[in-house]
Amino acid sequence: MKKLIIVLTILLLIGCKSKKVVTEPEVAKIEKIGLAEISENQKSKAYELGKRVLMTCNTSKFKPFTSSEATPSVIKNTTVERLSKTCNRFRQYYGTFIDLQLVEAYKNNFENTTVFRYKALYSKKVANKELRVTMNAENKVASIKSLDWVNSFPLD
């Protein structure tokens, strides 16, 4: 009986032996990048495509994105009907669109995208609006999003 207890105790100790866990250093999911670190080509493309969407509010004409400019989901979701609906509301509250001002950019390391944050300037100074243009690794628009300006960018 004593031998059985000793053998079981030894087996229990061997089975509970701690293992070394190798952890890789955590890479930030989203990090702010300097505007000088971004290629001029990518900055100008993001600006032009973002401006094209908001200029629709002034001209009521929209040149659809091509497959070399945007991802299929953006092309599918950016329709004249949806833009007209949004533009009517924007023009009523904010006035005519003037220009975009690039404020900052963020790199998403897991999705390999760059998020450009623009302040959208309108004729009425009622509220500050933001336009976020997300460019993927292929330099195509992965998303365009308009929302109220908030000084901090959520890093989640």
C-alpha atoms as a PDB file:
ATOM      1  CA  MET A   1       0.000   0.000   0.000  1.00  0.00           C
ATOM      2  CA  LYS A   2       2.834   2.419   0.872  1.00  0.00           C
ATOM      3  CA  LYS A   3       4.508   1.637  -2.450  1.00  0.00           C
ATOM      4  CA  LEU A   4       1.281   2.402  -4.322  1.00  0.00           C
ATOM      5  CA  ILE A   5       0.913   5.774  -2.571  1.00  0.00           C
ATOM      6  CA  ILE A   6       4.568   6.666  -3.313  1.00  0.00           C
ATOM      7  CA  VAL A   7       4.203   5.699  -6.997  1.00  0.00           C
ATOM      8  CA  LEU A   8       0.972   7.712  -7.349  1.00  0.00           C
ATOM      9  CA  THR A   9       2.594  10.722  -5.632  1.00  0.00           C
ATOM     10  CA  ILE A  10       5.574  10.591  -8.007  1.00  0.00           C
ATOM     11  CA  LEU A  11       3.248  10.289 -11.021  1.00  0.00           C
ATOM     12  CA  LEU A  12       1.203  13.204  -9.740  1.00  0.00           C
ATOM     13  CA  LEU A  13       4.314  15.365  -9.336  1.00  0.00           C
ATOM     14  CA  ILE A  14       5.544  14.464 -12.827  1.00  0.00           C
ATOM     15  CA  GLY A  15       2.105  15.191 -14.314  1.00  0.00           C
ATOM     16  CA  CYS A  16       1.904  18.595 -12.610  1.00  0.00           C
ATOM     17  CA  LYS A  17       5.334  19.709 -13.745  1.00  0.00           C
ATOM     18  CA  SER A  18       5.101  23.293 -14.914  1.00  0.00           C
ATOM     19  CA  LYS A  19       5.824  24.021 -18.534  1.00  0.00           C
ATOM     20  CA  LYS A  20       7.664  27.034 -19.818  1.00  0.00           C
ATOM     21  CA  VAL A  21       5.426  29.296 -21.833  1.00  0.00           C
ATOM     22  CA  VAL A  22       7.128  31.312 -24.527  1.00  0.00           C
ATOM     23  CA  THR A  23       5.342  34.593 -25.131  1.00  0.00           C
ATOM     24  CA  GLU A  24       6.002  36.833 -28.083  1.00  0.00           C
ATOM     25  CA  PRO A  25       6.233  40.548 -27.441  1.00  0.00           C
ATOM     26  CA  GLU A  26       2.867  42.146 -27.992  1.00  0.00           C
ATOM     27  CA  VAL A  27       2.671  44.356 -31.064  1.00  0.00           C
ATOM     28  CA  ALA A  28       0.317  47.292 -30.857  1.00  0.00           C
ATOM     29  CA  LYS A  29      -2.816  46.616 -32.867  1.00  0.00           C
ATOM     30  CA  ILE A  30      -3.281  50.239 -33.877  1.00  0.00           C
ATOM     31  CA  GLU A  31      -0.532  52.825 -33.676  1.00  0.00           C
ATOM     32  CA  LYS A  32      -0.362  56.468 -34.649  1.00  0.00           C
ATOM     33  CA  ILE A  33       2.050  57.202 -37.466  1.00  0.00           C
ATOM     34  CA  GLY A  34       3.597  60.464 -38.514  1.00  0.00           C
ATOM     35  CA  LEU A  35       2.241  62.075 -41.649  1.00  0.00           C
ATOM     36  CA  ALA A  36       5.778  62.249 -43.055  1.00  0.00           C
ATOM     37  CA  GLU A  37       6.059  58.444 -42.845  1.00  0.00           C
ATOM     38  CA  ILE A  38       3.198  57.927 -45.313  1.00  0.00           C
ATOM     39  CA  SER A  39       3.848  57.948 -49.032  1.00  0.00           C
ATOM     40  CA  GLU A  40       2.591  61.026 -50.863  1.00  0.00           C
ATOM     41  CA  ASN A  41       0.846  58.734 -53.345  1.00  0.00           C
ATOM     42  CA  GLN A  42      -1.240  57.087 -50.620  1.00  0.00           C
ATOM     43  CA  LYS A  43      -2.026  60.415 -48.924  1.00  0.00           C
ATOM     44  CA  SER A  44      -3.146  62.054 -52.157  1.00  0.00           C
ATOM     45  CA  LYS A  45      -5.225  59.048 -53.212  1.00  0.00           C
ATOM     46  CA  ALA A  46      -7.026  58.927 -49.851  1.00  0.00           C
ATOM     47  CA  TYR A  47      -7.643  62.692 -50.039  1.00  0.00           C
ATOM     48  CA  GLU A  48      -8.956  62.610 -53.611  1.00  0.00           C
ATOM     49  CA  LEU A  49     -11.278  59.665 -53.031  1.00  0.00           C
ATOM     50  CA  GLY A  50     -12.610  61.103 -49.764  1.00  0.00           C
ATOM     51  CA  LYS A  51     -13.119  64.495 -51.349  1.00  0.00           C
ATOM     52  CA  ARG A  52     -14.895  62.918 -54.325  1.00  0.00           C
ATOM     53  CA  VAL A  53     -17.496  61.438 -51.981  1.00  0.00           C
ATOM     54  CA  LEU A  54     -18.155  64.701 -50.124  1.00  0.00           C
ATOM     55  CA  MET A  55     -18.109  66.845 -53.288  1.00  0.00           C
ATOM     56  CA  THR A  56     -21.119  64.821 -54.401  1.00  0.00           C
ATOM     57  CA  CYS A  57     -23.056  66.860 -51.852  1.00  0.00           C
ATOM     58  CA  ASN A  58     -22.243  70.053 -53.744  1.00  0.00           C
ATOM     59  CA  THR A  59     -22.533  68.835 -57.337  1.00  0.00           C
ATOM     60  CA  SER A  60     -25.090  65.994 -57.016  1.00  0.00           C
ATOM     61  CA  LYS A  61     -22.890  64.006 -59.410  1.00  0.00           C
ATOM     62  CA  PHE A  62     -20.818  61.022 -58.351  1.00  0.00           C
ATOM     63  CA  LYS A  63     -18.228  59.185 -60.384  1.00  0.00           C
ATOM     64  CA  PRO A  64     -18.392  55.589 -59.077  1.00  0.00           C
ATOM     65  CA  PHE A  65     -15.249  54.004 -57.719  1.00  0.00           C
ATOM     66  CA  THR A  66     -13.360  51.600 -59.966  1.00  0.00           C
ATOM     67  CA  SER A  67     -11.905  48.270 -58.870  1.00  0.00           C
ATOM     68  CA  SER A  68      -8.429  49.853 -58.870  1.00  0.00           C
ATOM     69  CA  GLU A  69      -9.594  52.547 -56.413  1.00  0.00           C
ATOM     70  CA  ALA A  70     -11.741  50.638 -53.915  1.00  0.00           C
ATOM     71  CA  THR A  71     -12.593  47.202 -52.611  1.00  0.00           C
ATOM     72  CA  PRO A  72     -15.737  45.463 -53.933  1.00  0.00           C
ATOM     73  CA  SER A  73     -17.641  46.103 -50.682  1.00  0.00           C
ATOM     74  CA  VAL A  74     -16.961  49.859 -50.867  1.00  0.00           C
ATOM     75  CA  ILE A  75     -17.989  49.943 -54.536  1.00  0.00           C
ATOM     76  CA  LYS A  76     -21.196  48.073 -53.702  1.00  0.00           C
ATOM     77  CA  ASN A  77     -22.096  50.290 -50.713  1.00  0.00           C
ATOM     78  CA  THR A  78     -21.212  53.664 -52.247  1.00  0.00           C
ATOM     79  CA  THR A  79     -24.223  54.259 -54.452  1.00  0.00           C
ATOM     80  CA  VAL A  80     -25.713  57.492 -55.742  1.00  0.00           C
ATOM     81  CA  GLU A  81     -28.908  56.822 -53.795  1.00  0.00           C
ATOM     82  CA  ARG A  82     -27.116  56.378 -50.464  1.00  0.00           C
ATOM     83  CA  LEU A  83     -24.891  59.396 -51.066  1.00  0.00           C
ATOM     84  CA  SER A  84     -27.862  61.576 -52.026  1.00  0.00           C
ATOM     85  CA  LYS A  85     -29.681  60.647 -48.843  1.00  0.00           C
ATOM     86  CA  THR A  86     -26.624  61.455 -46.704  1.00  0.00           C
ATOM     87  CA  CYS A  87     -25.819  64.608 -48.648  1.00  0.00           C
ATOM     88  CA  ASN A  88     -29.286  66.069 -48.227  1.00  0.00           C
ATOM     89  CA  ARG A  89     -28.961  65.737 -44.462  1.00  0.00           C
ATOM     90  CA  PHE A  90     -25.384  67.090 -44.426  1.00  0.00           C
ATOM     91  CA  ARG A  91     -26.221  70.087 -46.621  1.00  0.00           C
ATOM     92  CA  GLN A  92     -29.194  70.939 -44.425  1.00  0.00           C
ATOM     93  CA  TYR A  93     -27.200  70.866 -41.157  1.00  0.00           C
ATOM     94  CA  TYR A  94     -23.662  71.820 -42.190  1.00  0.00           C
ATOM     95  CA  GLY A  95     -23.999  73.806 -45.414  1.00  0.00           C
ATOM     96  CA  THR A  96     -21.860  73.239 -48.484  1.00  0.00           C
ATOM     97  CA  PHE A  97     -18.730  71.143 -48.320  1.00  0.00           C
ATOM     98  CA  ILE A  98     -15.487  73.152 -48.642  1.00  0.00           C
ATOM     99  CA  ASP A  99     -12.479  70.875 -48.187  1.00  0.00           C
ATOM    100  CA  LEU A 100     -10.764  68.129 -46.185  1.00  0.00           C
ATOM    101  CA  GLN A 101      -7.946  68.735 -43.725  1.00  0.00           C
ATOM    102  CA  LEU A 102      -5.714  65.750 -42.887  1.00  0.00           C
ATOM    103  CA  VAL A 103      -5.204  65.690 -39.123  1.00  0.00           C
ATOM    104  CA  GLU A 104      -3.628  62.311 -38.357  1.00  0.00           C
ATOM    105  CA  ALA A 105      -3.150  58.759 -39.550  1.00  0.00           C
ATOM    106  CA  TYR A 106      -3.091  55.380 -37.827  1.00  0.00           C
ATOM    107  CA  LYS A 107      -1.679  52.023 -38.874  1.00  0.00           C
ATOM    108  CA  ASN A 108      -3.679  48.873 -38.074  1.00  0.00           C
ATOM    109  CA  ASN A 109      -1.020  46.153 -37.888  1.00  0.00           C
ATOM    110  CA  PHE A 110      -3.395  43.183 -37.880  1.00  0.00           C
ATOM    111  CA  GLU A 111      -5.503  44.229 -40.856  1.00  0.00           C
ATOM    112  CA  ASN A 112      -2.553  45.932 -42.591  1.00  0.00           C
ATOM    113  CA  THR A 113      -4.541  49.106 -43.235  1.00  0.00           C
ATOM    114  CA  THR A 114      -3.938  52.818 -42.787  1.00  0.00           C
ATOM    115  CA  VAL A 115      -6.706  55.025 -41.378  1.00  0.00           C
ATOM    116  CA  PHE A 116      -6.636  58.678 -42.419  1.00  0.00           C
ATOM    117  CA  ARG A 117      -8.565  61.094 -40.195  1.00  0.00           C
ATOM    118  CA  TYR A 118      -9.748  64.212 -41.993  1.00  0.00           C
ATOM    119  CA  LYS A 119     -11.658  67.167 -40.623  1.00  0.00           C
ATOM    120  CA  ALA A 120     -14.414  67.936 -43.090  1.00  0.00           C
ATOM    121  CA  LEU A 121     -14.817  71.688 -43.467  1.00  0.00           C
ATOM    122  CA  TYR A 122     -18.307  73.032 -44.195  1.00  0.00           C
ATOM    123  CA  SER A 123     -19.706  76.537 -44.724  1.00  0.00           C
ATOM    124  CA  LYS A 124     -21.715  76.411 -41.477  1.00  0.00           C
ATOM    125  CA  LYS A 125     -19.586  76.082 -38.352  1.00  0.00           C
ATOM    126  CA  VAL A 126     -22.298  74.198 -36.458  1.00  0.00           C
ATOM    127  CA  ALA A 127     -20.319  71.044 -35.763  1.00  0.00           C
ATOM    128  CA  ASN A 128     -17.008  69.478 -36.638  1.00  0.00           C
ATOM    129  CA  LYS A 129     -17.342  66.440 -38.873  1.00  0.00           C
ATOM    130  CA  GLU A 130     -14.742  63.748 -39.455  1.00  0.00           C
ATOM    131  CA  LEU A 131     -14.157  61.643 -42.543  1.00  0.00           C
ATOM    132  CA  ARG A 132     -12.188  58.433 -42.009  1.00  0.00           C
ATOM    133  CA  VAL A 133     -10.699  56.916 -45.116  1.00  0.00           C
ATOM    134  CA  THR A 134      -9.185  53.464 -44.617  1.00  0.00           C
ATOM    135  CA  MET A 135      -6.677  52.334 -47.233  1.00  0.00           C
ATOM    136  CA  ASN A 136      -5.593  48.690 -47.459  1.00  0.00           C
ATOM    137  CA  ALA A 137      -2.192  47.257 -48.422  1.00  0.00           C
ATOM    138  CA  GLU A 138      -3.139  47.389 -52.112  1.00  0.00           C
ATOM    139  CA  ASN A 139      -3.727  51.177 -51.799  1.00  0.00           C
ATOM    140  CA  LYS A 140      -7.476  50.736 -52.277  1.00  0.00           C
ATOM    141  CA  VAL A 141     -10.209  52.294 -50.171  1.00  0.00           C
ATOM    142  CA  ALA A 142     -11.352  49.648 -47.689  1.00  0.00           C
ATOM    143  CA  SER A 143     -13.887  51.908 -45.949  1.00  0.00           C
ATOM    144  CA  ILE A 144     -15.153  55.469 -45.811  1.00  0.00           C
ATOM    145  CA  LYS A 145     -16.908  56.647 -42.695  1.00  0.00           C
ATOM    146  CA  SER A 146     -18.312  60.017 -41.672  1.00  0.00           C
ATOM    147  CA  LEU A 147     -18.913  60.866 -38.014  1.00  0.00           C
ATOM    148  CA  ASP A 148     -18.729  63.680 -35.497  1.00  0.00           C
ATOM    149  CA  TRP A 149     -15.215  64.850 -34.723  1.00  0.00           C
ATOM    150  CA  VAL A 150     -13.723  63.583 -31.470  1.00  0.00           C
ATOM    151  CA  ASN A 151     -10.166  64.616 -30.567  1.00  0.00           C
ATOM    152  CA  SER A 152      -9.139  61.190 -29.339  1.00  0.00           C
ATOM    153  CA  PHE A 153      -8.989  58.156 -31.598  1.00  0.00           C
ATOM    154  CA  PRO A 154     -10.197  54.881 -30.068  1.00  0.00           C
ATOM    155  CA  LEU A 155      -7.256  52.470 -30.143  1.00  0.00           C
ATOM    156  CA  ASP A 156      -9.230  49.233 -29.906  1.00  0.00           C
END
